[in-house]
Amino acid sequence: MVTDTLPAGLVSRPATIDDAEAVLSLVRAYTTAVAGYADCTLADVRDELGRPGCRPERDAWLVSDAAGGPVGYGTADARDGGEVDVDVVSADPAVVDWLFARVLDRAREVGREAGRAEVRVDQGVHRDDEALRATVAALGFAPATTFRRMRVDHAGDVPPPAPVAGLVLRQALDEDVRRAVHAVWNASFAGQFGFTPKTYEAWHEKLEGKSTSDWAEVWLAELDGAPAGFLECTDQFRDEGSGYVGHLGVVPAARGRGVAGHLLRHAFHRHAAAGLGGTLLHVDSNNPTPAPGLYESAGMRPVLVIDVWRATLPTAQGVRA
């Protein structure tokens, strides 16, 4: 049940970047409880609250107790195309209910602004979080797909990948390369879960704004002189001593020619050379490409499972699940 009333003694206000440490304490406590370790950094929270288009007065909520201690956090992130990712974190079920009322109302507002009668809303749920799973099910969400975090360990040096005939990698240090990477990004992820094409400007702004991003770790793969694939690595998990493959994609016409495997092993080589003990990435278990099998064949193994639950909500004023 969603509710318009917070428990006595609790107050709410918009969550801003200045609240990042308070939000971090909540998220780390939550992830430690459900995953066994604090799977979040201060940079992660700051990037979320500082993302392009985020306006705290409408998109983020912080609930505190009488002493000012954080007890709940919620956010609604509108994707291009009018879909919304929501996230609610609290150990108090009443606060969870209140926050879901806020984020789902915001999601409906996003849908109305996009001229839609319905809006699709996604919430990630750690596989072992039985309480959140029961809450979203009661709100009308259903499992939509599963993402697995995969890891490979690096013991010492990892050699660079074997050459692929006609394949050349270029760093995205110049605008022409970045524009080619953007075009490959749109083409390679078309039709995949949760993907909405972005303009070059929106895509560039998002990467430019991430504190863990580095254009020197974004690579364009050209095959026989034509853009064929790309690799984007970030420092998101450097605090755990691991490199991270944020995105890896290959255009349909170039699949099956060794481009993806070469890019993946290029990431392994660079991460090991940087002294990192492993490489992480996330993969959709329902990915229509051969990506899950590729990662397994390269020695990667699943270390965390997050299910995405989806609801389709009417956007009419005053309607709630």
C-alpha atoms as a PDB file:
ATOM      1  CA  MET A   1       0.000   0.000   0.000  1.00  0.00           C
ATOM      2  CA  VAL A   2       1.278   3.467  -0.848  1.00  0.00           C
ATOM      3  CA  THR A   3       0.713   6.232   1.658  1.00  0.00           C
ATOM      4  CA  ASP A   4       0.695  10.014   1.849  1.00  0.00           C
ATOM      5  CA  THR A   5       1.735  10.120   5.511  1.00  0.00           C
ATOM      6  CA  LEU A   6       5.169   9.624   7.013  1.00  0.00           C
ATOM      7  CA  PRO A   7       5.479   8.075  10.490  1.00  0.00           C
ATOM      8  CA  ALA A   8       5.461  10.595  13.332  1.00  0.00           C
ATOM      9  CA  GLY A   9       8.773  12.365  13.848  1.00  0.00           C
ATOM     10  CA  LEU A  10      10.021  11.897  10.296  1.00  0.00           C
ATOM     11  CA  VAL A  11      10.417  14.679   7.760  1.00  0.00           C
ATOM     12  CA  SER A  12      11.274  14.787   4.075  1.00  0.00           C
ATOM     13  CA  ARG A  13      12.948  17.215   1.720  1.00  0.00           C
ATOM     14  CA  PRO A  14      14.569  17.130  -1.739  1.00  0.00           C
ATOM     15  CA  ALA A  15      17.854  15.209  -1.818  1.00  0.00           C
ATOM     16  CA  THR A  16      20.692  17.239  -3.335  1.00  0.00           C
ATOM     17  CA  ILE A  17      24.359  16.585  -4.014  1.00  0.00           C
ATOM     18  CA  ASP A  18      25.067  18.094  -0.585  1.00  0.00           C
ATOM     19  CA  ASP A  19      23.215  15.090   0.885  1.00  0.00           C
ATOM     20  CA  ALA A  20      25.405  12.559  -0.908  1.00  0.00           C
ATOM     21  CA  GLU A  21      27.119  11.299   2.247  1.00  0.00           C
ATOM     22  CA  ALA A  22      23.780  10.802   4.007  1.00  0.00           C
ATOM     23  CA  VAL A  23      22.382   8.916   1.019  1.00  0.00           C
ATOM     24  CA  LEU A  24      25.572   6.867   0.810  1.00  0.00           C
ATOM     25  CA  SER A  25      25.168   5.704   4.405  1.00  0.00           C
ATOM     26  CA  LEU A  26      21.662   4.456   3.611  1.00  0.00           C
ATOM     27  CA  VAL A  27      22.629   2.692   0.397  1.00  0.00           C
ATOM     28  CA  ARG A  28      25.721   1.066   1.898  1.00  0.00           C
ATOM     29  CA  ALA A  29      23.687  -0.247   4.838  1.00  0.00           C
ATOM     30  CA  TYR A  30      21.108  -1.635   2.412  1.00  0.00           C
ATOM     31  CA  THR A  31      23.576  -3.302   0.056  1.00  0.00           C
ATOM     32  CA  THR A  32      25.523  -4.760   2.978  1.00  0.00           C
ATOM     33  CA  ALA A  33      22.299  -6.310   4.287  1.00  0.00           C
ATOM     34  CA  VAL A  34      21.184  -7.828   0.971  1.00  0.00           C
ATOM     35  CA  ALA A  35      24.470  -8.429  -0.875  1.00  0.00           C
ATOM     36  CA  GLY A  36      26.975  -8.848   1.936  1.00  0.00           C
ATOM     37  CA  TYR A  37      29.089  -5.807   1.130  1.00  0.00           C
ATOM     38  CA  ALA A  38      28.765  -2.038   0.691  1.00  0.00           C
ATOM     39  CA  ASP A  39      28.235  -1.883  -3.064  1.00  0.00           C
ATOM     40  CA  CYS A  40      28.254   1.902  -3.496  1.00  0.00           C
ATOM     41  CA  THR A  41      30.671   4.838  -3.417  1.00  0.00           C
ATOM     42  CA  LEU A  42      30.319   8.545  -2.798  1.00  0.00           C
ATOM     43  CA  ALA A  43      31.047   9.175  -6.476  1.00  0.00           C
ATOM     44  CA  ASP A  44      28.150   6.869  -7.428  1.00  0.00           C
ATOM     45  CA  VAL A  45      25.710   8.880  -5.333  1.00  0.00           C
ATOM     46  CA  ARG A  46      27.016  12.243  -6.493  1.00  0.00           C
ATOM     47  CA  ASP A  47      26.761  11.150 -10.113  1.00  0.00           C
ATOM     48  CA  GLU A  48      23.165  10.004  -9.568  1.00  0.00           C
ATOM     49  CA  LEU A  49      22.089  13.233  -7.868  1.00  0.00           C
ATOM     50  CA  GLY A  50      24.006  15.341 -10.395  1.00  0.00           C
ATOM     51  CA  ARG A  51      22.845  13.537 -13.512  1.00  0.00           C
ATOM     52  CA  PRO A  52      21.691  15.684 -16.451  1.00  0.00           C
ATOM     53  CA  GLY A  53      18.083  16.744 -16.072  1.00  0.00           C
ATOM     54  CA  CYS A  54      17.811  15.856 -12.381  1.00  0.00           C
ATOM     55  CA  ARG A  55      15.915  18.478 -10.394  1.00  0.00           C
ATOM     56  CA  PRO A  56      15.894  17.481  -6.708  1.00  0.00           C
ATOM     57  CA  GLU A  57      12.631  19.269  -5.945  1.00  0.00           C
ATOM     58  CA  ARG A  58      10.803  16.870  -8.257  1.00  0.00           C
ATOM     59  CA  ASP A  59      13.105  13.839  -8.689  1.00  0.00           C
ATOM     60  CA  ALA A  60      14.757  12.960  -5.344  1.00  0.00           C
ATOM     61  CA  TRP A  61      13.596  12.629  -1.732  1.00  0.00           C
ATOM     62  CA  LEU A  62      15.466  12.269   1.565  1.00  0.00           C
ATOM     63  CA  VAL A  63      13.603  11.240   4.721  1.00  0.00           C
ATOM     64  CA  SER A  64      15.214  12.039   8.080  1.00  0.00           C
ATOM     65  CA  ASP A  65      14.396  11.389  11.731  1.00  0.00           C
ATOM     66  CA  ALA A  66      14.018  14.017  14.445  1.00  0.00           C
ATOM     67  CA  ALA A  67      17.777  14.116  14.971  1.00  0.00           C
ATOM     68  CA  GLY A  68      18.426  14.677  11.273  1.00  0.00           C
ATOM     69  CA  GLY A  69      19.626  11.139  10.602  1.00  0.00           C
ATOM     70  CA  PRO A  70      18.759   9.699   7.163  1.00  0.00           C
ATOM     71  CA  VAL A  71      16.153   6.916   7.167  1.00  0.00           C
ATOM     72  CA  GLY A  72      14.991   6.824   3.553  1.00  0.00           C
ATOM     73  CA  TYR A  73      15.886   7.845   0.012  1.00  0.00           C
ATOM     74  CA  GLY A  74      14.013   7.705  -3.261  1.00  0.00           C
ATOM     75  CA  THR A  75      14.637   8.892  -6.800  1.00  0.00           C
ATOM     76  CA  ALA A  76      12.862   8.913 -10.149  1.00  0.00           C
ATOM     77  CA  ASP A  77      15.057   9.095 -13.255  1.00  0.00           C
ATOM     78  CA  ALA A  78      13.231   9.854 -16.492  1.00  0.00           C
ATOM     79  CA  ARG A  79      14.819   8.156 -19.503  1.00  0.00           C
ATOM     80  CA  ASP A  80      14.578   9.481 -23.018  1.00  0.00           C
ATOM     81  CA  GLY A  81      11.291   8.332 -24.469  1.00  0.00           C
ATOM     82  CA  GLY A  82       9.238   8.875 -21.319  1.00  0.00           C
ATOM     83  CA  GLU A  83      10.179   5.748 -19.343  1.00  0.00           C
ATOM     84  CA  VAL A  84      11.292   6.023 -15.720  1.00  0.00           C
ATOM     85  CA  ASP A  85      13.795   4.215 -13.494  1.00  0.00           C
ATOM     86  CA  VAL A  86      12.911   4.463  -9.818  1.00  0.00           C
ATOM     87  CA  ASP A  87      14.873   3.511  -6.721  1.00  0.00           C
ATOM     88  CA  VAL A  88      13.674   3.368  -3.113  1.00  0.00           C
ATOM     89  CA  VAL A  89      15.913   2.611  -0.121  1.00  0.00           C
ATOM     90  CA  SER A  90      14.834   2.358   3.532  1.00  0.00           C
ATOM     91  CA  ALA A  91      14.800  -0.189   6.333  1.00  0.00           C
ATOM     92  CA  ASP A  92      11.402   1.144   7.498  1.00  0.00           C
ATOM     93  CA  PRO A  93       8.461  -0.382   5.558  1.00  0.00           C
ATOM     94  CA  ALA A  94       6.309   2.703   6.206  1.00  0.00           C
ATOM     95  CA  VAL A  95       9.004   4.928   4.705  1.00  0.00           C
ATOM     96  CA  VAL A  96       9.322   2.575   1.738  1.00  0.00           C
ATOM     97  CA  ASP A  97       5.572   2.916   1.124  1.00  0.00           C
ATOM     98  CA  TRP A  98       5.721   6.718   1.369  1.00  0.00           C
ATOM     99  CA  LEU A  99       8.678   6.954  -0.995  1.00  0.00           C
ATOM    100  CA  PHE A 100       7.016   4.696  -3.572  1.00  0.00           C
ATOM    101  CA  ALA A 101       4.022   7.044  -3.527  1.00  0.00           C
ATOM    102  CA  ARG A 102       6.372   9.906  -4.391  1.00  0.00           C
ATOM    103  CA  VAL A 103       8.418   8.199  -7.111  1.00  0.00           C
ATOM    104  CA  LEU A 104       5.386   6.652  -8.806  1.00  0.00           C
ATOM    105  CA  ASP A 105       3.550   9.974  -8.833  1.00  0.00           C
ATOM    106  CA  ARG A 106       6.626  11.503 -10.450  1.00  0.00           C
ATOM    107  CA  ALA A 107       6.690   8.675 -12.999  1.00  0.00           C
ATOM    108  CA  ARG A 108       3.075   9.372 -13.937  1.00  0.00           C
ATOM    109  CA  GLU A 109       3.930  13.041 -14.306  1.00  0.00           C
ATOM    110  CA  VAL A 110       6.778  12.122 -16.680  1.00  0.00           C
ATOM    111  CA  GLY A 111       4.335  10.073 -18.720  1.00  0.00           C
ATOM    112  CA  ARG A 112       1.853  12.921 -18.909  1.00  0.00           C
ATOM    113  CA  GLU A 113       4.599  15.341 -19.961  1.00  0.00           C
ATOM    114  CA  ALA A 114       5.451  12.927 -22.790  1.00  0.00           C
ATOM    115  CA  GLY A 115       1.790  12.819 -23.848  1.00  0.00           C
ATOM    116  CA  ARG A 116       1.317   9.186 -22.869  1.00  0.00           C
ATOM    117  CA  ALA A 117      -1.696   7.462 -21.320  1.00  0.00           C
ATOM    118  CA  GLU A 118       0.641   4.955 -19.644  1.00  0.00           C
ATOM    119  CA  VAL A 119       4.216   5.018 -18.396  1.00  0.00           C
ATOM    120  CA  ARG A 120       6.645   2.141 -17.917  1.00  0.00           C
ATOM    121  CA  VAL A 121       8.494   2.154 -14.601  1.00  0.00           C
ATOM    122  CA  ASP A 122      11.498  -0.031 -13.664  1.00  0.00           C
ATOM    123  CA  GLN A 123      12.906  -0.824 -10.206  1.00  0.00           C
ATOM    124  CA  GLY A 124      16.029  -2.929  -9.671  1.00  0.00           C
ATOM    125  CA  VAL A 125      15.749  -5.536  -6.916  1.00  0.00           C
ATOM    126  CA  HIS A 126      18.647  -7.565  -5.536  1.00  0.00           C
ATOM    127  CA  ARG A 127      17.752 -11.241  -5.882  1.00  0.00           C
ATOM    128  CA  ASP A 128      18.010 -11.789  -2.107  1.00  0.00           C
ATOM    129  CA  ASP A 129      15.850  -8.791  -1.134  1.00  0.00           C
ATOM    130  CA  GLU A 130      12.605 -10.581  -0.291  1.00  0.00           C
ATOM    131  CA  ALA A 131      10.998  -7.533   1.355  1.00  0.00           C
ATOM    132  CA  LEU A 132      11.442  -5.226  -1.656  1.00  0.00           C
ATOM    133  CA  ARG A 133      10.364  -7.980  -4.015  1.00  0.00           C
ATOM    134  CA  ALA A 134       7.098  -8.365  -2.077  1.00  0.00           C
ATOM    135  CA  THR A 135       6.561  -4.595  -2.037  1.00  0.00           C
ATOM    136  CA  VAL A 136       6.941  -4.066  -5.759  1.00  0.00           C
ATOM    137  CA  ALA A 137       4.802  -7.122  -6.519  1.00  0.00           C
ATOM    138  CA  ALA A 138       2.014  -5.631  -4.398  1.00  0.00           C
ATOM    139  CA  LEU A 139       2.353  -2.382  -6.357  1.00  0.00           C
ATOM    140  CA  GLY A 140       1.741  -4.165  -9.645  1.00  0.00           C
ATOM    141  CA  PHE A 141       5.329  -4.699 -10.782  1.00  0.00           C
ATOM    142  CA  ALA A 142       6.390  -7.973 -12.400  1.00  0.00           C
ATOM    143  CA  PRO A 143       9.831  -9.402 -13.275  1.00  0.00           C
ATOM    144  CA  ALA A 144      10.994  -8.057 -16.623  1.00  0.00           C
ATOM    145  CA  THR A 145      14.608  -9.185 -16.940  1.00  0.00           C
ATOM    146  CA  THR A 146      17.692 -10.084 -14.916  1.00  0.00           C
ATOM    147  CA  PHE A 147      21.099  -8.455 -14.924  1.00  0.00           C
ATOM    148  CA  ARG A 148      24.129 -10.365 -13.731  1.00  0.00           C
ATOM    149  CA  ARG A 149      27.303  -8.731 -12.576  1.00  0.00           C
ATOM    150  CA  MET A 150      30.159 -10.770 -13.966  1.00  0.00           C
ATOM    151  CA  ARG A 151      33.818 -10.768 -12.976  1.00  0.00           C
ATOM    152  CA  VAL A 152      37.112 -12.171 -14.140  1.00  0.00           C
ATOM    153  CA  ASP A 153      40.220 -12.100 -11.952  1.00  0.00           C
ATOM    154  CA  HIS A 154      43.613 -10.969 -13.226  1.00  0.00           C
ATOM    155  CA  ALA A 155      46.677 -12.628 -11.748  1.00  0.00           C
ATOM    156  CA  GLY A 156      49.622 -10.613 -13.034  1.00  0.00           C
ATOM    157  CA  ASP A 157      49.909  -9.452 -16.607  1.00  0.00           C
ATOM    158  CA  VAL A 158      47.229 -10.173 -19.189  1.00  0.00           C
ATOM    159  CA  PRO A 159      48.504 -10.152 -22.777  1.00  0.00           C
ATOM    160  CA  PRO A 160      46.817  -7.957 -25.362  1.00  0.00           C
ATOM    161  CA  PRO A 161      44.283  -9.699 -27.585  1.00  0.00           C
ATOM    162  CA  ALA A 162      45.423 -11.394 -30.745  1.00  0.00           C
ATOM    163  CA  PRO A 163      45.049  -9.196 -33.836  1.00  0.00           C
ATOM    164  CA  VAL A 164      41.883  -9.466 -35.908  1.00  0.00           C
ATOM    165  CA  ALA A 165      42.330  -8.932 -39.633  1.00  0.00           C
ATOM    166  CA  GLY A 166      41.162  -5.451 -40.606  1.00  0.00           C
ATOM    167  CA  LEU A 167      40.393  -4.382 -37.025  1.00  0.00           C
ATOM    168  CA  VAL A 168      41.765  -1.107 -35.636  1.00  0.00           C
ATOM    169  CA  LEU A 169      40.984   0.520 -32.258  1.00  0.00           C
ATOM    170  CA  ARG A 170      40.883   4.307 -31.814  1.00  0.00           C
ATOM    171  CA  GLN A 171      40.565   6.241 -28.543  1.00  0.00           C
ATOM    172  CA  ALA A 172      37.645   8.678 -28.366  1.00  0.00           C
ATOM    173  CA  LEU A 173      39.808  11.723 -27.736  1.00  0.00           C
ATOM    174  CA  ASP A 174      38.510  13.704 -30.710  1.00  0.00           C
ATOM    175  CA  GLU A 175      34.970  14.672 -31.623  1.00  0.00           C
ATOM    176  CA  ASP A 176      34.925  12.730 -34.880  1.00  0.00           C
ATOM    177  CA  VAL A 177      35.731   9.494 -33.041  1.00  0.00           C
ATOM    178  CA  ARG A 178      33.193  10.263 -30.321  1.00  0.00           C
ATOM    179  CA  ARG A 179      30.485  10.843 -32.908  1.00  0.00           C
ATOM    180  CA  ALA A 180      31.319   7.513 -34.520  1.00  0.00           C
ATOM    181  CA  VAL A 181      31.169   5.804 -31.115  1.00  0.00           C
ATOM    182  CA  HIS A 182      27.777   7.398 -30.460  1.00  0.00           C
ATOM    183  CA  ALA A 183      26.414   6.109 -33.770  1.00  0.00           C
ATOM    184  CA  VAL A 184      27.691   2.601 -32.985  1.00  0.00           C
ATOM    185  CA  TRP A 185      26.194   2.839 -29.475  1.00  0.00           C
ATOM    186  CA  ASN A 186      22.741   3.574 -30.883  1.00  0.00           C
ATOM    187  CA  ALA A 187      23.012   0.879 -33.555  1.00  0.00           C
ATOM    188  CA  SER A 188      24.466  -1.880 -31.367  1.00  0.00           C
ATOM    189  CA  PHE A 189      21.973  -1.559 -28.499  1.00  0.00           C
ATOM    190  CA  ALA A 190      18.829  -1.049 -30.595  1.00  0.00           C
ATOM    191  CA  GLY A 191      16.060  -3.379 -29.441  1.00  0.00           C
ATOM    192  CA  GLN A 192      17.659  -4.296 -26.111  1.00  0.00           C
ATOM    193  CA  PHE A 193      15.854  -4.031 -22.787  1.00  0.00           C
ATOM    194  CA  GLY A 194      15.448  -0.481 -21.511  1.00  0.00           C
ATOM    195  CA  PHE A 195      17.368   1.075 -24.393  1.00  0.00           C
ATOM    196  CA  THR A 196      16.263   4.372 -25.914  1.00  0.00           C
ATOM    197  CA  PRO A 197      18.389   6.084 -28.576  1.00  0.00           C
ATOM    198  CA  LYS A 198      20.015   9.354 -27.534  1.00  0.00           C
ATOM    199  CA  THR A 199      21.134  12.355 -29.509  1.00  0.00           C
ATOM    200  CA  TYR A 200      24.868  12.897 -29.645  1.00  0.00           C
ATOM    201  CA  GLU A 201      24.535  15.905 -27.344  1.00  0.00           C
ATOM    202  CA  ALA A 202      22.586  13.990 -24.670  1.00  0.00           C
ATOM    203  CA  TRP A 203      24.908  10.988 -24.865  1.00  0.00           C
ATOM    204  CA  HIS A 204      28.012  13.155 -24.654  1.00  0.00           C
ATOM    205  CA  GLU A 205      26.637  15.169 -21.736  1.00  0.00           C
ATOM    206  CA  LYS A 206      25.904  12.024 -19.746  1.00  0.00           C
ATOM    207  CA  LEU A 207      29.408  10.588 -20.187  1.00  0.00           C
ATOM    208  CA  GLU A 208      31.064  13.950 -19.682  1.00  0.00           C
ATOM    209  CA  GLY A 209      29.207  14.402 -16.398  1.00  0.00           C
ATOM    210  CA  LYS A 210      30.225  11.088 -14.824  1.00  0.00           C
ATOM    211  CA  SER A 211      33.073  11.432 -12.362  1.00  0.00           C
ATOM    212  CA  THR A 212      34.225   7.882 -13.161  1.00  0.00           C
ATOM    213  CA  SER A 213      34.372   8.373 -16.943  1.00  0.00           C
ATOM    214  CA  ASP A 214      37.484   9.047 -19.016  1.00  0.00           C
ATOM    215  CA  TRP A 215      37.410   9.565 -22.772  1.00  0.00           C
ATOM    216  CA  ALA A 216      40.805   7.855 -22.964  1.00  0.00           C
ATOM    217  CA  GLU A 217      38.992   4.653 -21.948  1.00  0.00           C
ATOM    218  CA  VAL A 218      36.349   4.892 -24.668  1.00  0.00           C
ATOM    219  CA  TRP A 219      37.388   3.044 -27.828  1.00  0.00           C
ATOM    220  CA  LEU A 220      36.021   2.831 -31.342  1.00  0.00           C
ATOM    221  CA  ALA A 221      36.590  -0.410 -33.241  1.00  0.00           C
ATOM    222  CA  GLU A 222      36.872  -0.007 -37.010  1.00  0.00           C
ATOM    223  CA  LEU A 223      36.650  -3.102 -39.168  1.00  0.00           C
ATOM    224  CA  ASP A 224      37.874  -2.775 -42.733  1.00  0.00           C
ATOM    225  CA  GLY A 225      37.738   0.989 -42.283  1.00  0.00           C
ATOM    226  CA  ALA A 226      34.118   1.167 -41.084  1.00  0.00           C
ATOM    227  CA  PRO A 227      32.844   1.731 -37.504  1.00  0.00           C
ATOM    228  CA  ALA A 228      32.003  -1.702 -36.123  1.00  0.00           C
ATOM    229  CA  GLY A 229      32.025  -1.634 -32.328  1.00  0.00           C
ATOM    230  CA  PHE A 230      32.927   0.298 -29.214  1.00  0.00           C
ATOM    231  CA  LEU A 231      34.173  -0.186 -25.669  1.00  0.00           C
ATOM    232  CA  GLU A 232      33.523   2.137 -22.713  1.00  0.00           C
ATOM    233  CA  CYS A 233      35.438   1.447 -19.496  1.00  0.00           C
ATOM    234  CA  THR A 234      35.074   3.468 -16.293  1.00  0.00           C
ATOM    235  CA  ASP A 235      36.496   3.692 -12.783  1.00  0.00           C
ATOM    236  CA  GLN A 236      33.164   2.822 -11.148  1.00  0.00           C
ATOM    237  CA  PHE A 237      34.594  -0.183  -9.294  1.00  0.00           C
ATOM    238  CA  ARG A 238      38.166   0.985  -8.816  1.00  0.00           C
ATOM    239  CA  ASP A 239      37.463   1.232  -5.077  1.00  0.00           C
ATOM    240  CA  GLU A 240      37.102  -2.571  -5.182  1.00  0.00           C
ATOM    241  CA  GLY A 241      40.346  -2.939  -7.115  1.00  0.00           C
ATOM    242  CA  SER A 242      38.543  -3.765 -10.356  1.00  0.00           C
ATOM    243  CA  GLY A 243      38.115  -2.242 -13.771  1.00  0.00           C
ATOM    244  CA  TYR A 244      34.620  -1.903 -15.212  1.00  0.00           C
ATOM    245  CA  VAL A 245      33.222  -2.338 -18.700  1.00  0.00           C
ATOM    246  CA  GLY A 246      30.310   0.079 -18.709  1.00  0.00           C
ATOM    247  CA  HIS A 247      29.276  -0.693 -22.297  1.00  0.00           C
ATOM    248  CA  LEU A 248      30.492  -2.895 -25.115  1.00  0.00           C
ATOM    249  CA  GLY A 249      28.623  -3.108 -28.393  1.00  0.00           C
ATOM    250  CA  VAL A 250      29.020  -4.291 -31.968  1.00  0.00           C
ATOM    251  CA  VAL A 251      26.807  -3.284 -34.891  1.00  0.00           C
ATOM    252  CA  PRO A 252      24.778  -6.198 -36.337  1.00  0.00           C
ATOM    253  CA  ALA A 253      26.674  -6.288 -39.626  1.00  0.00           C
ATOM    254  CA  ALA A 254      30.006  -6.847 -37.852  1.00  0.00           C
ATOM    255  CA  ARG A 255      28.949  -9.528 -35.378  1.00  0.00           C
ATOM    256  CA  GLY A 256      30.565 -12.924 -35.543  1.00  0.00           C
ATOM    257  CA  ARG A 257      33.913 -11.577 -36.720  1.00  0.00           C
ATOM    258  CA  GLY A 258      35.722 -11.404 -33.386  1.00  0.00           C
ATOM    259  CA  VAL A 259      35.177  -7.710 -32.661  1.00  0.00           C
ATOM    260  CA  ALA A 260      33.427  -8.135 -29.292  1.00  0.00           C
ATOM    261  CA  GLY A 261      35.935 -10.681 -28.019  1.00  0.00           C
ATOM    262  CA  HIS A 262      38.824  -8.460 -29.052  1.00  0.00           C
ATOM    263  CA  LEU A 263      37.329  -5.441 -27.247  1.00  0.00           C
ATOM    264  CA  LEU A 264      36.647  -7.487 -24.105  1.00  0.00           C
ATOM    265  CA  ARG A 265      40.201  -8.813 -23.950  1.00  0.00           C
ATOM    266  CA  HIS A 266      41.510  -5.335 -24.674  1.00  0.00           C
ATOM    267  CA  ALA A 267      39.734  -4.225 -21.488  1.00  0.00           C
ATOM    268  CA  PHE A 268      41.245  -7.156 -19.543  1.00  0.00           C
ATOM    269  CA  HIS A 269      44.721  -6.221 -20.783  1.00  0.00           C
ATOM    270  CA  ARG A 270      44.387  -2.558 -19.844  1.00  0.00           C
ATOM    271  CA  HIS A 271      42.914  -3.278 -16.426  1.00  0.00           C
ATOM    272  CA  ALA A 272      45.659  -5.760 -15.558  1.00  0.00           C
ATOM    273  CA  ALA A 273      48.321  -3.337 -16.827  1.00  0.00           C
ATOM    274  CA  ALA A 274      46.863  -0.709 -14.477  1.00  0.00           C
ATOM    275  CA  GLY A 275      47.365  -3.061 -11.548  1.00  0.00           C
ATOM    276  CA  LEU A 276      43.686  -3.901 -11.120  1.00  0.00           C
ATOM    277  CA  GLY A 277      42.814  -7.348  -9.850  1.00  0.00           C
ATOM    278  CA  GLY A 278      39.854  -7.975 -12.100  1.00  0.00           C
ATOM    279  CA  THR A 279      37.261  -6.737 -14.576  1.00  0.00           C
ATOM    280  CA  LEU A 280      33.529  -6.385 -13.915  1.00  0.00           C
ATOM    281  CA  LEU A 281      30.549  -5.818 -16.185  1.00  0.00           C
ATOM    282  CA  HIS A 282      26.786  -6.203 -16.168  1.00  0.00           C
ATOM    283  CA  VAL A 283      24.893  -8.249 -18.718  1.00  0.00           C
ATOM    284  CA  ASP A 284      21.190  -8.721 -19.381  1.00  0.00           C
ATOM    285  CA  SER A 285      20.373 -12.426 -19.200  1.00  0.00           C
ATOM    286  CA  ASN A 286      17.820 -11.898 -21.981  1.00  0.00           C
ATOM    287  CA  ASN A 287      20.289 -10.099 -24.209  1.00  0.00           C
ATOM    288  CA  PRO A 288      19.387 -10.883 -27.846  1.00  0.00           C
ATOM    289  CA  THR A 289      23.091 -10.946 -28.781  1.00  0.00           C
ATOM    290  CA  PRO A 290      25.582 -13.702 -27.872  1.00  0.00           C
ATOM    291  CA  ALA A 291      27.102 -11.450 -25.169  1.00  0.00           C
ATOM    292  CA  PRO A 292      26.394 -13.687 -22.127  1.00  0.00           C
ATOM    293  CA  GLY A 293      28.082 -16.665 -23.753  1.00  0.00           C
ATOM    294  CA  LEU A 294      31.030 -14.532 -24.865  1.00  0.00           C
ATOM    295  CA  TYR A 295      31.681 -13.315 -21.336  1.00  0.00           C
ATOM    296  CA  GLU A 296      31.483 -16.821 -19.894  1.00  0.00           C
ATOM    297  CA  SER A 297      33.847 -18.163 -22.550  1.00  0.00           C
ATOM    298  CA  ALA A 298      36.328 -15.433 -21.570  1.00  0.00           C
ATOM    299  CA  GLY A 299      36.374 -16.727 -17.996  1.00  0.00           C
ATOM    300  CA  MET A 300      33.895 -14.315 -16.422  1.00  0.00           C
ATOM    301  CA  ARG A 301      31.571 -15.615 -13.701  1.00  0.00           C
ATOM    302  CA  PRO A 302      28.420 -14.136 -12.101  1.00  0.00           C
ATOM    303  CA  VAL A 303      28.959 -12.541  -8.681  1.00  0.00           C
ATOM    304  CA  LEU A 304      25.660 -10.652  -8.173  1.00  0.00           C
ATOM    305  CA  VAL A 305      22.118 -10.928  -9.519  1.00  0.00           C
ATOM    306  CA  ILE A 306      19.742  -7.964  -9.843  1.00  0.00           C
ATOM    307  CA  ASP A 307      16.237  -8.447 -11.194  1.00  0.00           C
ATOM    308  CA  VAL A 308      14.472  -5.581 -12.917  1.00  0.00           C
ATOM    309  CA  TRP A 309      10.795  -5.359 -12.034  1.00  0.00           C
ATOM    310  CA  ARG A 310       8.535  -3.358 -14.347  1.00  0.00           C
ATOM    311  CA  ALA A 311       5.091  -1.806 -13.991  1.00  0.00           C
ATOM    312  CA  THR A 312       2.974  -0.080 -16.617  1.00  0.00           C
ATOM    313  CA  LEU A 313       0.977   2.649 -14.884  1.00  0.00           C
ATOM    314  CA  PRO A 314      -1.843   4.900 -16.074  1.00  0.00           C
ATOM    315  CA  THR A 315      -0.761   8.524 -16.104  1.00  0.00           C
ATOM    316  CA  ALA A 316      -4.147  10.060 -15.218  1.00  0.00           C
ATOM    317  CA  GLN A 317      -4.048  12.475 -12.281  1.00  0.00           C
ATOM    318  CA  GLY A 318      -4.804  10.893  -8.940  1.00  0.00           C
ATOM    319  CA  VAL A 319      -4.454   7.281 -10.126  1.00  0.00           C
ATOM    320  CA  ARG A 320      -2.115   5.013  -8.162  1.00  0.00           C
ATOM    321  CA  ALA A 321      -1.222   1.344  -8.263  1.00  0.00           C
END
